[in-house]
Amino acid sequence: MTESIPSLEITTLPNGNLRLEDKSFGEGAIVDVHPCQVRLMAERLGLVATSDVQAARHIAALSRRLKVLHERIDRLSDYLVNHSDHSHADLSWELTYCTATLDIADEFVADLHDAPSDRNPITPKSPEIGGVEEPQKRVVSTGPKGELL
């Protein structure tokens, strides 16, 4: 199969490599590229998701942490709005700041709902051979009125 882009001809070779040929100047130039090199370039340019397992784990961990932080900010905002003692203290600055922080957190997690971190991350089975153990669940304590402790 051969495709042409102005000044560039792309041919799939029998061994699976791609041949890039530019004849627009003097002697021209020919470069044979292996599919893994194309994949690496596409990953570096952000055109496809990374195939690096360690990077995928790091992204999944950061996504989980952002979601936990978002939930805590949401609970704090709810507490300040609904359970604070507004009759004895002016909490307008705190409410404004917390609401703005919640808006930022909402934006940070807006596209995480469909992110790969919502699915089970790829992890080797055995921690003894370099695998990852399951993360421990955190327990959040609340007081009688639902306030964070």
N, C-alpha and C. Protein backbone atom coordinates (compact mmCIF):
# COMPACT_ATOMS: atom_id res chain seq x y z
N MET A 1 0.85 -1.18 0.00
CA MET A 1 0.00 0.00 0.00
C MET A 1 0.89 1.24 0.00
N THR A 2 0.55 2.18 -0.82
CA THR A 2 1.32 3.41 -0.91
C THR A 2 0.37 4.60 -0.78
N GLU A 3 0.77 5.53 0.06
CA GLU A 3 0.01 6.77 0.21
C GLU A 3 0.93 7.92 -0.08
N SER A 4 0.38 8.99 -0.61
CA SER A 4 1.20 10.15 -0.93
C SER A 4 0.65 11.39 -0.23
N ILE A 5 1.55 12.07 0.40
CA ILE A 5 1.29 13.39 0.99
C ILE A 5 2.22 14.30 0.20
N PRO A 6 1.85 15.53 -0.08
CA PRO A 6 2.76 16.38 -0.86
C PRO A 6 4.19 16.28 -0.32
N SER A 7 5.09 15.93 -1.21
CA SER A 7 6.52 15.78 -0.94
C SER A 7 6.85 14.55 -0.11
N LEU A 8 5.90 13.69 0.21
CA LEU A 8 6.20 12.50 1.01
C LEU A 8 5.39 11.32 0.51
N GLU A 9 6.09 10.24 0.23
CA GLU A 9 5.43 9.00 -0.18
C GLU A 9 5.64 7.99 0.94
N ILE A 10 4.56 7.35 1.41
CA ILE A 10 4.61 6.38 2.49
C ILE A 10 4.23 5.03 1.93
N THR A 11 5.14 4.05 2.06
CA THR A 11 4.92 2.72 1.52
C THR A 11 5.08 1.69 2.64
N THR A 12 4.15 0.73 2.71
CA THR A 12 4.28 -0.38 3.65
C THR A 12 5.13 -1.45 2.98
N LEU A 13 6.22 -1.81 3.62
CA LEU A 13 7.14 -2.81 3.08
C LEU A 13 6.68 -4.21 3.46
N PRO A 14 7.14 -5.23 2.75
CA PRO A 14 6.73 -6.61 3.05
C PRO A 14 7.03 -7.05 4.48
N ASN A 15 8.07 -6.50 5.10
CA ASN A 15 8.42 -6.87 6.48
C ASN A 15 7.62 -6.10 7.53
N GLY A 16 6.69 -5.23 7.11
CA GLY A 16 5.85 -4.48 8.03
C GLY A 16 6.34 -3.08 8.33
N ASN A 17 7.57 -2.77 7.97
CA ASN A 17 8.09 -1.42 8.18
C ASN A 17 7.42 -0.43 7.23
N LEU A 18 7.53 0.83 7.55
CA LEU A 18 7.05 1.89 6.66
C LEU A 18 8.24 2.56 6.02
N ARG A 19 8.15 2.84 4.74
CA ARG A 19 9.19 3.58 4.05
C ARG A 19 8.67 4.98 3.77
N LEU A 20 9.38 5.97 4.27
CA LEU A 20 9.05 7.37 4.05
C LEU A 20 10.05 7.89 3.01
N GLU A 21 9.52 8.41 1.92
CA GLU A 21 10.39 8.85 0.84
C GLU A 21 10.01 10.27 0.43
N ASP A 22 11.00 11.14 0.46
CA ASP A 22 10.80 12.54 0.09
C ASP A 22 11.72 12.83 -1.09
N LYS A 23 11.13 13.11 -2.25
CA LYS A 23 11.92 13.38 -3.46
C LYS A 23 11.86 14.85 -3.85
N SER A 24 11.46 15.71 -2.91
CA SER A 24 11.24 17.12 -3.26
C SER A 24 12.52 17.94 -3.33
N PHE A 25 13.66 17.35 -3.03
CA PHE A 25 14.90 18.11 -3.09
C PHE A 25 16.02 17.21 -3.62
N GLY A 26 16.99 17.81 -4.22
CA GLY A 26 18.19 17.15 -4.74
C GLY A 26 18.13 15.64 -4.84
N GLU A 27 18.87 14.96 -4.00
CA GLU A 27 18.96 13.50 -4.02
C GLU A 27 17.74 12.84 -3.38
N GLY A 28 16.98 13.58 -2.62
CA GLY A 28 15.83 13.02 -1.91
C GLY A 28 16.29 12.31 -0.65
N ALA A 29 15.34 11.75 0.08
CA ALA A 29 15.65 11.06 1.33
C ALA A 29 14.70 9.88 1.50
N ILE A 30 15.26 8.78 2.00
CA ILE A 30 14.45 7.59 2.27
C ILE A 30 14.73 7.15 3.70
N VAL A 31 13.65 6.93 4.46
CA VAL A 31 13.77 6.45 5.84
C VAL A 31 12.81 5.29 6.01
N ASP A 32 13.33 4.16 6.50
CA ASP A 32 12.48 3.02 6.86
C ASP A 32 12.23 3.08 8.36
N VAL A 33 10.96 2.97 8.75
CA VAL A 33 10.57 3.12 10.15
C VAL A 33 9.84 1.86 10.61
N HIS A 34 10.25 1.32 11.75
CA HIS A 34 9.59 0.14 12.32
C HIS A 34 8.29 0.60 13.01
N PRO A 35 7.24 -0.25 13.02
CA PRO A 35 5.97 0.14 13.66
C PRO A 35 6.11 0.56 15.13
N CYS A 36 7.06 -0.04 15.86
CA CYS A 36 7.23 0.38 17.27
C CYS A 36 7.78 1.80 17.35
N GLN A 37 8.56 2.22 16.35
CA GLN A 37 9.05 3.60 16.33
C GLN A 37 7.90 4.57 16.05
N VAL A 38 7.00 4.16 15.15
CA VAL A 38 5.82 4.98 14.86
C VAL A 38 4.97 5.12 16.11
N ARG A 39 4.77 3.99 16.83
CA ARG A 39 3.97 4.01 18.06
C ARG A 39 4.60 4.95 19.09
N LEU A 40 5.91 4.86 19.27
CA LEU A 40 6.60 5.72 20.23
C LEU A 40 6.42 7.19 19.87
N MET A 41 6.56 7.52 18.59
CA MET A 41 6.38 8.91 18.17
C MET A 41 4.95 9.38 18.43
N ALA A 42 3.98 8.52 18.14
CA ALA A 42 2.58 8.88 18.37
C ALA A 42 2.31 9.09 19.86
N GLU A 43 2.90 8.24 20.72
CA GLU A 43 2.74 8.41 22.17
C GLU A 43 3.36 9.73 22.63
N ARG A 44 4.56 10.01 22.17
CA ARG A 44 5.26 11.24 22.58
C ARG A 44 4.52 12.49 22.12
N LEU A 45 3.85 12.39 20.99
CA LEU A 45 3.09 13.53 20.48
C LEU A 45 1.69 13.61 21.08
N GLY A 46 1.32 12.61 21.89
CA GLY A 46 0.02 12.61 22.52
C GLY A 46 -1.11 12.19 21.61
N LEU A 47 -0.79 11.53 20.50
CA LEU A 47 -1.82 11.11 19.55
C LEU A 47 -2.51 9.81 19.97
N VAL A 48 -1.81 8.98 20.75
CA VAL A 48 -2.37 7.73 21.27
C VAL A 48 -1.98 7.60 22.74
N ALA A 49 -2.73 6.78 23.46
CA ALA A 49 -2.43 6.56 24.87
C ALA A 49 -1.11 5.80 25.00
N THR A 50 -0.43 6.03 26.09
CA THR A 50 0.86 5.39 26.31
C THR A 50 0.70 3.90 26.54
N SER A 51 1.67 3.13 26.09
CA SER A 51 1.66 1.69 26.32
C SER A 51 2.60 1.33 27.47
N ASP A 52 3.17 2.34 28.12
CA ASP A 52 4.08 2.13 29.24
C ASP A 52 3.26 1.77 30.48
N VAL A 53 3.44 0.56 30.99
CA VAL A 53 2.66 0.07 32.13
C VAL A 53 2.91 0.94 33.36
N GLN A 54 4.17 1.31 33.61
CA GLN A 54 4.48 2.14 34.78
C GLN A 54 3.79 3.50 34.68
N ALA A 55 3.80 4.10 33.49
CA ALA A 55 3.12 5.39 33.30
C ALA A 55 1.62 5.23 33.49
N ALA A 56 1.06 4.13 32.99
CA ALA A 56 -0.38 3.88 33.16
C ALA A 56 -0.73 3.75 34.64
N ARG A 57 0.11 3.06 35.41
CA ARG A 57 -0.13 2.94 36.86
C ARG A 57 -0.05 4.29 37.54
N HIS A 58 0.93 5.10 37.14
CA HIS A 58 1.09 6.42 37.74
C HIS A 58 -0.13 7.30 37.43
N ILE A 59 -0.60 7.25 36.20
CA ILE A 59 -1.78 8.02 35.82
C ILE A 59 -3.00 7.55 36.60
N ALA A 60 -3.14 6.23 36.75
CA ALA A 60 -4.28 5.68 37.51
C ALA A 60 -4.22 6.14 38.96
N ALA A 61 -3.03 6.12 39.56
CA ALA A 61 -2.88 6.55 40.95
C ALA A 61 -3.22 8.04 41.10
N LEU A 62 -2.73 8.86 40.19
CA LEU A 62 -3.04 10.29 40.25
C LEU A 62 -4.53 10.55 40.05
N SER A 63 -5.16 9.79 39.18
CA SER A 63 -6.61 9.94 38.98
C SER A 63 -7.37 9.60 40.24
N ARG A 64 -7.01 8.49 40.89
CA ARG A 64 -7.67 8.11 42.14
C ARG A 64 -7.47 9.19 43.20
N ARG A 65 -6.26 9.71 43.31
CA ARG A 65 -5.98 10.75 44.32
C ARG A 65 -6.77 12.02 44.06
N LEU A 66 -6.88 12.41 42.79
CA LEU A 66 -7.68 13.60 42.47
C LEU A 66 -9.14 13.39 42.84
N LYS A 67 -9.66 12.19 42.59
CA LYS A 67 -11.05 11.91 42.94
C LYS A 67 -11.26 11.96 44.45
N VAL A 68 -10.32 11.40 45.22
CA VAL A 68 -10.43 11.45 46.69
C VAL A 68 -10.38 12.89 47.17
N LEU A 69 -9.46 13.67 46.62
CA LEU A 69 -9.35 15.08 47.00
C LEU A 69 -10.64 15.82 46.65
N HIS A 70 -11.20 15.54 45.49
CA HIS A 70 -12.46 16.18 45.09
C HIS A 70 -13.57 15.85 46.08
N GLU A 71 -13.68 14.58 46.47
CA GLU A 71 -14.72 14.17 47.42
C GLU A 71 -14.55 14.89 48.76
N ARG A 72 -13.32 15.04 49.23
CA ARG A 72 -13.10 15.72 50.51
C ARG A 72 -13.44 17.20 50.42
N ILE A 73 -13.08 17.84 49.31
CA ILE A 73 -13.42 19.25 49.13
C ILE A 73 -14.93 19.42 49.06
N ASP A 74 -15.59 18.49 48.38
CA ASP A 74 -17.05 18.53 48.27
C ASP A 74 -17.69 18.40 49.65
N ARG A 75 -17.19 17.48 50.48
CA ARG A 75 -17.73 17.32 51.83
C ARG A 75 -17.48 18.56 52.68
N LEU A 76 -16.29 19.15 52.56
CA LEU A 76 -15.98 20.35 53.31
C LEU A 76 -16.90 21.50 52.89
N SER A 77 -17.11 21.64 51.61
CA SER A 77 -18.01 22.68 51.11
C SER A 77 -19.43 22.48 51.63
N ASP A 78 -19.90 21.25 51.56
CA ASP A 78 -21.23 20.93 52.07
C ASP A 78 -21.33 21.25 53.55
N TYR A 79 -20.31 20.91 54.32
CA TYR A 79 -20.33 21.18 55.76
C TYR A 79 -20.36 22.69 56.02
N LEU A 80 -19.50 23.44 55.33
CA LEU A 80 -19.47 24.89 55.56
C LEU A 80 -20.81 25.54 55.21
N VAL A 81 -21.42 25.09 54.13
CA VAL A 81 -22.69 25.69 53.71
C VAL A 81 -23.85 25.29 54.63
N ASN A 82 -23.91 24.02 55.01
CA ASN A 82 -25.09 23.51 55.69
C ASN A 82 -24.97 23.33 57.20
N HIS A 83 -23.76 23.25 57.73
CA HIS A 83 -23.63 22.93 59.15
C HIS A 83 -22.81 23.92 59.97
N SER A 84 -22.29 24.96 59.35
CA SER A 84 -21.48 25.94 60.09
C SER A 84 -22.37 26.87 60.91
N ASP A 85 -21.75 27.49 61.90
CA ASP A 85 -22.46 28.41 62.79
C ASP A 85 -22.38 29.82 62.20
N HIS A 86 -23.24 30.10 61.23
CA HIS A 86 -23.23 31.39 60.55
C HIS A 86 -23.75 32.52 61.43
N SER A 87 -24.50 32.18 62.47
CA SER A 87 -25.06 33.23 63.32
C SER A 87 -24.01 33.83 64.26
N HIS A 88 -22.91 33.12 64.51
CA HIS A 88 -21.88 33.61 65.42
C HIS A 88 -20.56 33.94 64.74
N ALA A 89 -20.47 33.70 63.45
CA ALA A 89 -19.21 33.99 62.75
C ALA A 89 -19.50 34.34 61.30
N ASP A 90 -18.69 35.26 60.78
CA ASP A 90 -18.80 35.61 59.37
C ASP A 90 -17.88 34.67 58.59
N LEU A 91 -18.47 33.72 57.90
CA LEU A 91 -17.70 32.73 57.15
C LEU A 91 -17.77 32.98 55.64
N SER A 92 -18.08 34.21 55.25
CA SER A 92 -18.25 34.49 53.83
C SER A 92 -16.96 34.25 53.04
N TRP A 93 -15.80 34.64 53.60
CA TRP A 93 -14.55 34.41 52.89
C TRP A 93 -14.28 32.91 52.76
N GLU A 94 -14.47 32.17 53.85
CA GLU A 94 -14.24 30.72 53.84
C GLU A 94 -15.16 30.02 52.85
N LEU A 95 -16.43 30.44 52.83
CA LEU A 95 -17.39 29.85 51.89
C LEU A 95 -17.01 30.15 50.44
N THR A 96 -16.63 31.38 50.17
CA THR A 96 -16.23 31.77 48.82
C THR A 96 -15.00 30.98 48.38
N TYR A 97 -14.01 30.89 49.27
CA TYR A 97 -12.77 30.19 48.95
C TYR A 97 -13.03 28.70 48.73
N CYS A 98 -13.83 28.10 49.59
CA CYS A 98 -14.14 26.68 49.47
C CYS A 98 -14.94 26.39 48.21
N THR A 99 -15.89 27.25 47.89
CA THR A 99 -16.69 27.07 46.68
C THR A 99 -15.81 27.18 45.43
N ALA A 100 -14.90 28.15 45.43
CA ALA A 100 -13.99 28.30 44.29
C ALA A 100 -13.07 27.09 44.18
N THR A 101 -12.59 26.58 45.31
CA THR A 101 -11.73 25.39 45.30
C THR A 101 -12.50 24.18 44.78
N LEU A 102 -13.76 24.06 45.17
CA LEU A 102 -14.60 22.97 44.67
C LEU A 102 -14.80 23.09 43.16
N ASP A 103 -14.99 24.31 42.67
CA ASP A 103 -15.13 24.51 41.22
C ASP A 103 -13.87 24.04 40.48
N ILE A 104 -12.70 24.35 41.04
CA ILE A 104 -11.44 23.91 40.44
C ILE A 104 -11.35 22.39 40.48
N ALA A 105 -11.69 21.80 41.62
CA ALA A 105 -11.64 20.34 41.75
C ALA A 105 -12.62 19.68 40.79
N ASP A 106 -13.80 20.28 40.60
CA ASP A 106 -14.77 19.74 39.63
C ASP A 106 -14.14 19.69 38.23
N GLU A 107 -13.43 20.74 37.88
CA GLU A 107 -12.79 20.78 36.56
C GLU A 107 -11.69 19.73 36.45
N PHE A 108 -10.93 19.53 37.53
CA PHE A 108 -9.83 18.55 37.51
C PHE A 108 -10.33 17.13 37.30
N VAL A 109 -11.51 16.80 37.82
CA VAL A 109 -12.01 15.43 37.71
C VAL A 109 -13.08 15.28 36.63
N ALA A 110 -13.38 16.34 35.90
CA ALA A 110 -14.45 16.29 34.91
C ALA A 110 -14.26 15.19 33.88
N ASP A 111 -13.05 15.00 33.41
CA ASP A 111 -12.83 13.98 32.39
C ASP A 111 -12.28 12.68 32.95
N LEU A 112 -12.21 12.54 34.26
CA LEU A 112 -11.70 11.31 34.87
C LEU A 112 -12.76 10.22 34.96
N HIS A 113 -14.01 10.55 34.77
CA HIS A 113 -15.06 9.56 34.91
C HIS A 113 -14.97 8.49 33.82
N ASP A 114 -14.42 8.84 32.66
CA ASP A 114 -14.25 7.87 31.58
C ASP A 114 -12.80 7.47 31.40
N ALA A 115 -11.95 7.92 32.32
CA ALA A 115 -10.52 7.63 32.20
C ALA A 115 -10.24 6.17 32.52
N PRO A 116 -9.09 5.66 32.05
CA PRO A 116 -8.74 4.27 32.33
C PRO A 116 -8.67 3.94 33.81
N SER A 117 -8.48 4.93 34.68
CA SER A 117 -8.38 4.64 36.12
C SER A 117 -9.70 4.12 36.68
N ASP A 118 -10.82 4.33 35.96
CA ASP A 118 -12.10 3.79 36.42
C ASP A 118 -12.18 2.29 36.19
N ARG A 119 -11.34 1.81 35.30
CA ARG A 119 -11.28 0.38 35.07
C ARG A 119 -10.17 -0.20 35.93
N ASN A 120 -10.07 -1.51 35.99
CA ASN A 120 -9.01 -2.13 36.77
C ASN A 120 -7.67 -1.88 36.11
N PRO A 121 -6.69 -1.33 36.85
CA PRO A 121 -5.39 -1.09 36.25
C PRO A 121 -4.69 -2.41 35.96
N ILE A 122 -3.79 -2.39 34.99
CA ILE A 122 -3.02 -3.57 34.65
C ILE A 122 -1.92 -3.73 35.69
N THR A 123 -1.96 -4.82 36.44
CA THR A 123 -0.91 -5.07 37.43
C THR A 123 -0.53 -6.54 37.40
N PRO A 124 0.77 -6.82 37.55
CA PRO A 124 1.18 -8.21 37.65
C PRO A 124 0.56 -8.84 38.88
N LYS A 125 0.35 -10.16 38.86
CA LYS A 125 -0.35 -10.85 39.93
C LYS A 125 0.46 -10.96 41.22
N SER A 126 1.75 -11.21 41.13
CA SER A 126 2.53 -11.53 42.32
C SER A 126 3.44 -10.38 42.74
N PRO A 127 3.28 -9.85 43.98
CA PRO A 127 4.17 -8.79 44.45
C PRO A 127 5.62 -9.25 44.55
N GLU A 128 5.84 -10.57 44.73
CA GLU A 128 7.19 -11.08 44.89
C GLU A 128 8.02 -10.90 43.61
N ILE A 129 7.35 -10.85 42.45
CA ILE A 129 8.10 -10.71 41.20
C ILE A 129 7.90 -9.31 40.61
N GLY A 130 7.79 -8.33 41.47
CA GLY A 130 7.69 -6.95 41.02
C GLY A 130 6.28 -6.46 40.84
N GLY A 131 5.29 -7.20 41.31
CA GLY A 131 3.90 -6.78 41.19
C GLY A 131 3.56 -5.70 42.19
N VAL A 132 2.35 -5.24 42.13
CA VAL A 132 1.87 -4.18 43.01
C VAL A 132 0.77 -4.74 43.88
N GLU A 133 0.87 -4.52 45.19
CA GLU A 133 -0.18 -4.98 46.08
C GLU A 133 -1.38 -4.06 45.96
N GLU A 134 -2.53 -4.57 46.31
CA GLU A 134 -3.76 -3.78 46.27
C GLU A 134 -3.63 -2.62 47.25
N PRO A 135 -4.05 -1.41 46.88
CA PRO A 135 -3.98 -0.28 47.80
C PRO A 135 -4.95 -0.47 48.96
N GLN A 136 -4.55 0.04 50.11
CA GLN A 136 -5.40 -0.04 51.29
C GLN A 136 -6.47 1.04 51.21
N LYS A 137 -7.68 0.72 51.62
CA LYS A 137 -8.78 1.69 51.63
C LYS A 137 -8.59 2.59 52.85
N ARG A 138 -8.86 3.87 52.70
CA ARG A 138 -8.76 4.81 53.80
C ARG A 138 -10.13 4.99 54.44
N VAL A 139 -10.11 5.16 55.74
CA VAL A 139 -11.35 5.40 56.46
C VAL A 139 -11.37 6.87 56.85
N VAL A 140 -12.44 7.55 56.49
CA VAL A 140 -12.60 8.96 56.83
C VAL A 140 -13.56 9.04 58.00
N SER A 141 -13.10 9.68 59.07
CA SER A 141 -13.95 9.80 60.26
C SER A 141 -14.74 11.08 60.21
N THR A 142 -15.99 10.99 60.63
CA THR A 142 -16.83 12.18 60.70
C THR A 142 -17.45 12.27 62.08
N GLY A 143 -17.76 13.49 62.46
CA GLY A 143 -18.40 13.72 63.75
C GLY A 143 -19.89 13.50 63.66
N PRO A 144 -20.62 13.76 64.75
CA PRO A 144 -22.06 13.50 64.79
C PRO A 144 -22.85 14.32 63.76
N LYS A 145 -22.35 15.46 63.36
CA LYS A 145 -23.06 16.29 62.38
C LYS A 145 -22.50 16.10 60.97
N GLY A 146 -21.65 15.12 60.78
CA GLY A 146 -21.10 14.87 59.45
C GLY A 146 -19.83 15.65 59.17
N GLU A 147 -19.28 16.36 60.16
CA GLU A 147 -18.08 17.15 59.92
C GLU A 147 -16.86 16.23 59.86
N LEU A 148 -15.88 16.64 59.06
CA LEU A 148 -14.66 15.86 58.95
C LEU A 148 -13.83 15.98 60.20
N LEU A 149 -13.27 14.87 60.65
CA LEU A 149 -12.40 14.88 61.83
C LEU A 149 -10.96 14.72 61.43
